[in-house]
Amino acid sequence: MNTVKMPRQTSVSKDNLYKLRLSRHETEGLSLRDIRCPYCGYLVERVFSDVTGHKMVHCRKCKEEYPVNLGYFRRASYQKKYDGFHFHRQHR
């Protein structure tokens, strides 16, 4: 069943509409990244690449609630290409 949920408020004030358009314009060059639950791996939130700081997160799947430092959950590639070989970061 694919139904689209409509917002409860049917009209948006001109001031809020301006803020929404300005926000969309500001995010045009940014990329999105996924924040996944560290317990079950469920997608908890999608944030833009310029987001920093801490956020309280609630996982809808495993029902855990925990603070997240968004800097720790940046997606980083640990592969380094050197002379045609791939070196992987060793986990200790």
N, C-alpha and C. Protein backbone atom coordinates (compact mmCIF):
# COMPACT_ATOMS: atom_id res chain seq x y z
N MET A 1 0.85 -1.17 0.00
CA MET A 1 0.00 0.00 0.00
C MET A 1 0.90 1.23 0.00
N ASN A 2 0.98 1.90 -1.13
CA ASN A 2 1.80 3.10 -1.26
C ASN A 2 0.92 4.33 -1.19
N THR A 3 0.81 4.90 0.00
CA THR A 3 0.03 6.11 0.15
C THR A 3 0.95 7.24 0.55
N VAL A 4 0.65 8.41 0.08
CA VAL A 4 1.44 9.59 0.39
C VAL A 4 0.76 10.32 1.53
N LYS A 5 1.50 10.59 2.58
CA LYS A 5 0.95 11.32 3.71
C LYS A 5 1.02 12.81 3.41
N MET A 6 -0.09 13.45 3.52
CA MET A 6 -0.15 14.89 3.29
C MET A 6 0.06 15.61 4.61
N PRO A 7 0.72 16.76 4.58
CA PRO A 7 0.91 17.51 5.82
C PRO A 7 -0.42 17.98 6.39
N ARG A 8 -0.47 18.08 7.69
CA ARG A 8 -1.71 18.51 8.35
C ARG A 8 -2.04 19.96 8.01
N GLN A 9 -1.02 20.79 7.98
CA GLN A 9 -1.25 22.20 7.66
C GLN A 9 -1.28 22.33 6.14
N THR A 10 -2.39 22.83 5.61
CA THR A 10 -2.52 22.90 4.15
C THR A 10 -1.93 24.18 3.58
N SER A 11 -1.76 25.21 4.37
CA SER A 11 -1.17 26.44 3.86
C SER A 11 0.05 26.81 4.70
N VAL A 12 1.04 27.34 4.02
CA VAL A 12 2.27 27.75 4.67
C VAL A 12 2.36 29.26 4.59
N SER A 13 2.75 29.88 5.68
CA SER A 13 2.85 31.34 5.68
C SER A 13 3.95 31.78 4.71
N LYS A 14 3.87 33.00 4.23
CA LYS A 14 4.86 33.51 3.29
C LYS A 14 6.25 33.53 3.91
N ASP A 15 6.32 33.83 5.19
CA ASP A 15 7.61 33.86 5.88
C ASP A 15 8.24 32.47 5.93
N ASN A 16 7.44 31.46 6.28
CA ASN A 16 7.95 30.09 6.33
C ASN A 16 8.28 29.56 4.93
N LEU A 17 7.49 29.93 3.94
CA LEU A 17 7.77 29.52 2.57
C LEU A 17 9.10 30.11 2.10
N TYR A 18 9.36 31.35 2.45
CA TYR A 18 10.64 31.99 2.11
C TYR A 18 11.80 31.25 2.79
N LYS A 19 11.63 30.89 4.07
CA LYS A 19 12.67 30.17 4.79
C LYS A 19 12.93 28.79 4.19
N LEU A 20 11.86 28.11 3.77
CA LEU A 20 12.01 26.80 3.14
C LEU A 20 12.76 26.90 1.81
N ARG A 21 12.43 27.88 1.02
CA ARG A 21 13.11 28.08 -0.26
C ARG A 21 14.57 28.46 -0.05
N LEU A 22 14.84 29.30 0.92
CA LEU A 22 16.21 29.70 1.23
C LEU A 22 17.01 28.50 1.72
N SER A 23 16.41 27.67 2.55
CA SER A 23 17.08 26.47 3.05
C SER A 23 17.40 25.52 1.91
N ARG A 24 16.48 25.34 1.00
CA ARG A 24 16.71 24.47 -0.15
C ARG A 24 17.86 25.00 -1.00
N HIS A 25 17.89 26.29 -1.20
CA HIS A 25 18.96 26.91 -1.99
C HIS A 25 20.32 26.72 -1.31
N GLU A 26 20.37 26.83 0.01
CA GLU A 26 21.63 26.68 0.75
C GLU A 26 22.17 25.26 0.70
N THR A 27 21.32 24.27 0.50
CA THR A 27 21.77 22.87 0.52
C THR A 27 22.06 22.31 -0.87
N GLU A 28 21.98 23.12 -1.90
CA GLU A 28 22.16 22.62 -3.27
C GLU A 28 23.52 21.97 -3.49
N GLY A 29 24.59 22.50 -2.93
CA GLY A 29 25.91 21.94 -3.16
C GLY A 29 26.34 20.90 -2.15
N LEU A 30 25.49 20.59 -1.18
CA LEU A 30 25.86 19.67 -0.11
C LEU A 30 25.42 18.25 -0.44
N SER A 31 26.11 17.29 0.15
CA SER A 31 25.71 15.89 -0.02
C SER A 31 25.02 15.40 1.25
N LEU A 32 24.20 14.38 1.09
CA LEU A 32 23.51 13.77 2.22
C LEU A 32 24.30 12.57 2.71
N ARG A 33 24.24 12.34 4.00
CA ARG A 33 24.85 11.13 4.55
C ARG A 33 23.87 10.50 5.53
N ASP A 34 23.97 9.19 5.65
CA ASP A 34 23.05 8.43 6.49
C ASP A 34 23.64 8.24 7.88
N ILE A 35 22.81 8.39 8.89
CA ILE A 35 23.16 8.05 10.26
C ILE A 35 22.39 6.77 10.59
N ARG A 36 23.12 5.70 10.86
CA ARG A 36 22.50 4.41 11.15
C ARG A 36 22.62 4.09 12.63
N CYS A 37 21.67 3.35 13.14
CA CYS A 37 21.68 2.93 14.54
C CYS A 37 22.90 2.05 14.78
N PRO A 38 23.72 2.37 15.78
CA PRO A 38 24.91 1.55 16.04
C PRO A 38 24.55 0.17 16.61
N TYR A 39 23.33 0.00 17.09
CA TYR A 39 22.91 -1.28 17.66
C TYR A 39 22.37 -2.24 16.60
N CYS A 40 21.50 -1.73 15.72
CA CYS A 40 20.85 -2.63 14.76
C CYS A 40 21.11 -2.26 13.30
N GLY A 41 21.69 -1.11 13.03
CA GLY A 41 22.01 -0.72 11.66
C GLY A 41 20.87 -0.07 10.89
N TYR A 42 19.75 0.17 11.54
CA TYR A 42 18.59 0.78 10.90
C TYR A 42 18.88 2.25 10.58
N LEU A 43 18.39 2.73 9.44
CA LEU A 43 18.57 4.12 9.06
C LEU A 43 17.77 5.02 10.00
N VAL A 44 18.47 5.83 10.78
CA VAL A 44 17.83 6.67 11.78
C VAL A 44 17.56 8.06 11.23
N GLU A 45 18.50 8.59 10.48
CA GLU A 45 18.39 9.97 10.03
C GLU A 45 19.27 10.19 8.82
N ARG A 46 18.92 11.16 7.99
CA ARG A 46 19.77 11.60 6.89
C ARG A 46 20.12 13.05 7.16
N VAL A 47 21.41 13.36 7.15
CA VAL A 47 21.86 14.72 7.44
C VAL A 47 22.75 15.21 6.30
N PHE A 48 22.86 16.52 6.19
CA PHE A 48 23.72 17.11 5.18
C PHE A 48 25.16 17.11 5.64
N SER A 49 26.06 17.25 4.70
CA SER A 49 27.50 17.12 4.98
C SER A 49 28.03 18.22 5.89
N ASP A 50 27.34 19.34 6.03
CA ASP A 50 27.84 20.42 6.87
C ASP A 50 27.35 20.35 8.31
N VAL A 51 26.61 19.33 8.67
CA VAL A 51 26.06 19.21 10.02
C VAL A 51 27.15 18.77 10.99
N THR A 52 27.25 19.47 12.12
CA THR A 52 28.20 19.11 13.16
C THR A 52 27.50 19.15 14.51
N GLY A 53 28.15 18.61 15.51
CA GLY A 53 27.61 18.69 16.85
C GLY A 53 27.01 17.38 17.33
N HIS A 54 26.19 17.49 18.36
CA HIS A 54 25.57 16.32 18.98
C HIS A 54 24.07 16.34 18.74
N LYS A 55 23.49 15.15 18.71
CA LYS A 55 22.05 15.04 18.49
C LYS A 55 21.54 13.85 19.28
N MET A 56 20.38 13.97 19.86
CA MET A 56 19.73 12.87 20.54
C MET A 56 18.94 12.10 19.48
N VAL A 57 19.20 10.79 19.37
CA VAL A 57 18.62 9.98 18.31
C VAL A 57 17.80 8.87 18.92
N HIS A 58 16.66 8.57 18.30
CA HIS A 58 15.80 7.46 18.72
C HIS A 58 15.62 6.53 17.54
N CYS A 59 15.96 5.25 17.71
CA CYS A 59 15.80 4.25 16.65
C CYS A 59 14.39 3.68 16.72
N ARG A 60 13.68 3.75 15.61
CA ARG A 60 12.31 3.25 15.57
C ARG A 60 12.25 1.73 15.53
N LYS A 61 13.36 1.09 15.17
CA LYS A 61 13.36 -0.37 15.06
C LYS A 61 13.65 -1.04 16.40
N CYS A 62 14.79 -0.68 17.03
CA CYS A 62 15.16 -1.36 18.29
C CYS A 62 14.77 -0.55 19.52
N LYS A 63 14.20 0.63 19.33
CA LYS A 63 13.66 1.48 20.41
C LYS A 63 14.74 2.04 21.35
N GLU A 64 16.00 2.01 20.92
CA GLU A 64 17.07 2.60 21.73
C GLU A 64 17.10 4.11 21.52
N GLU A 65 17.48 4.84 22.54
CA GLU A 65 17.66 6.28 22.44
C GLU A 65 19.04 6.61 23.00
N TYR A 66 19.80 7.41 22.26
CA TYR A 66 21.19 7.66 22.65
C TYR A 66 21.67 8.95 22.00
N PRO A 67 22.65 9.60 22.62
CA PRO A 67 23.25 10.79 22.00
C PRO A 67 24.28 10.37 20.95
N VAL A 68 24.36 11.13 19.88
CA VAL A 68 25.29 10.84 18.79
C VAL A 68 26.11 12.09 18.51
N ASN A 69 27.42 11.93 18.46
CA ASN A 69 28.29 12.99 17.97
C ASN A 69 28.37 12.79 16.46
N LEU A 70 27.82 13.70 15.69
CA LEU A 70 27.74 13.53 14.24
C LEU A 70 29.11 13.45 13.59
N GLY A 71 30.14 14.00 14.23
CA GLY A 71 31.49 13.91 13.71
C GLY A 71 32.03 12.50 13.71
N TYR A 72 31.59 11.67 14.66
CA TYR A 72 32.05 10.29 14.74
C TYR A 72 31.40 9.40 13.69
N PHE A 73 30.26 9.83 13.16
CA PHE A 73 29.52 9.00 12.23
C PHE A 73 29.64 9.49 10.79
N ARG A 74 30.71 10.18 10.49
CA ARG A 74 30.97 10.55 9.10
C ARG A 74 31.43 9.32 8.36
N ARG A 75 30.99 9.20 7.13
CA ARG A 75 31.41 8.05 6.31
C ARG A 75 32.77 8.38 5.74
N ALA A 76 33.75 7.61 6.12
CA ALA A 76 35.11 7.81 5.63
C ALA A 76 35.58 6.52 4.98
N SER A 77 36.25 6.67 3.88
CA SER A 77 36.80 5.51 3.21
C SER A 77 38.17 5.25 3.79
N TYR A 78 38.38 4.05 4.29
CA TYR A 78 39.66 3.70 4.89
C TYR A 78 40.59 3.04 3.88
N GLN A 79 40.17 2.98 2.63
CA GLN A 79 41.02 2.40 1.61
C GLN A 79 41.94 3.46 1.06
N LYS A 80 43.22 3.12 0.94
CA LYS A 80 44.19 4.01 0.32
C LYS A 80 44.80 3.29 -0.86
N LYS A 81 44.79 3.96 -1.98
CA LYS A 81 45.34 3.36 -3.18
C LYS A 81 46.79 3.80 -3.30
N TYR A 82 47.70 2.86 -3.39
CA TYR A 82 49.12 3.16 -3.48
C TYR A 82 49.76 2.20 -4.46
N ASP A 83 50.29 2.71 -5.56
CA ASP A 83 50.97 1.90 -6.59
C ASP A 83 50.12 0.72 -7.07
N GLY A 84 48.81 0.94 -7.20
CA GLY A 84 47.96 -0.12 -7.71
C GLY A 84 47.48 -1.12 -6.69
N PHE A 85 47.96 -1.05 -5.47
CA PHE A 85 47.53 -1.96 -4.41
C PHE A 85 46.59 -1.24 -3.47
N HIS A 86 45.70 -1.99 -2.85
CA HIS A 86 44.79 -1.43 -1.85
C HIS A 86 45.26 -1.84 -0.46
N PHE A 87 45.47 -0.86 0.37
CA PHE A 87 45.82 -1.12 1.76
C PHE A 87 44.63 -0.79 2.63
N HIS A 88 44.25 -1.71 3.49
CA HIS A 88 43.09 -1.51 4.37
C HIS A 88 43.57 -1.22 5.78
N ARG A 89 42.82 -0.40 6.46
CA ARG A 89 43.12 -0.10 7.85
C ARG A 89 42.89 -1.35 8.68
N GLN A 90 43.84 -1.69 9.51
CA GLN A 90 43.70 -2.88 10.34
C GLN A 90 42.94 -2.56 11.61
N HIS A 91 41.99 -3.41 11.94
CA HIS A 91 41.21 -3.24 13.17
C HIS A 91 41.89 -3.99 14.29
N ARG A 92 42.08 -3.35 15.41
CA ARG A 92 42.76 -3.97 16.55
C ARG A 92 41.80 -4.30 17.63
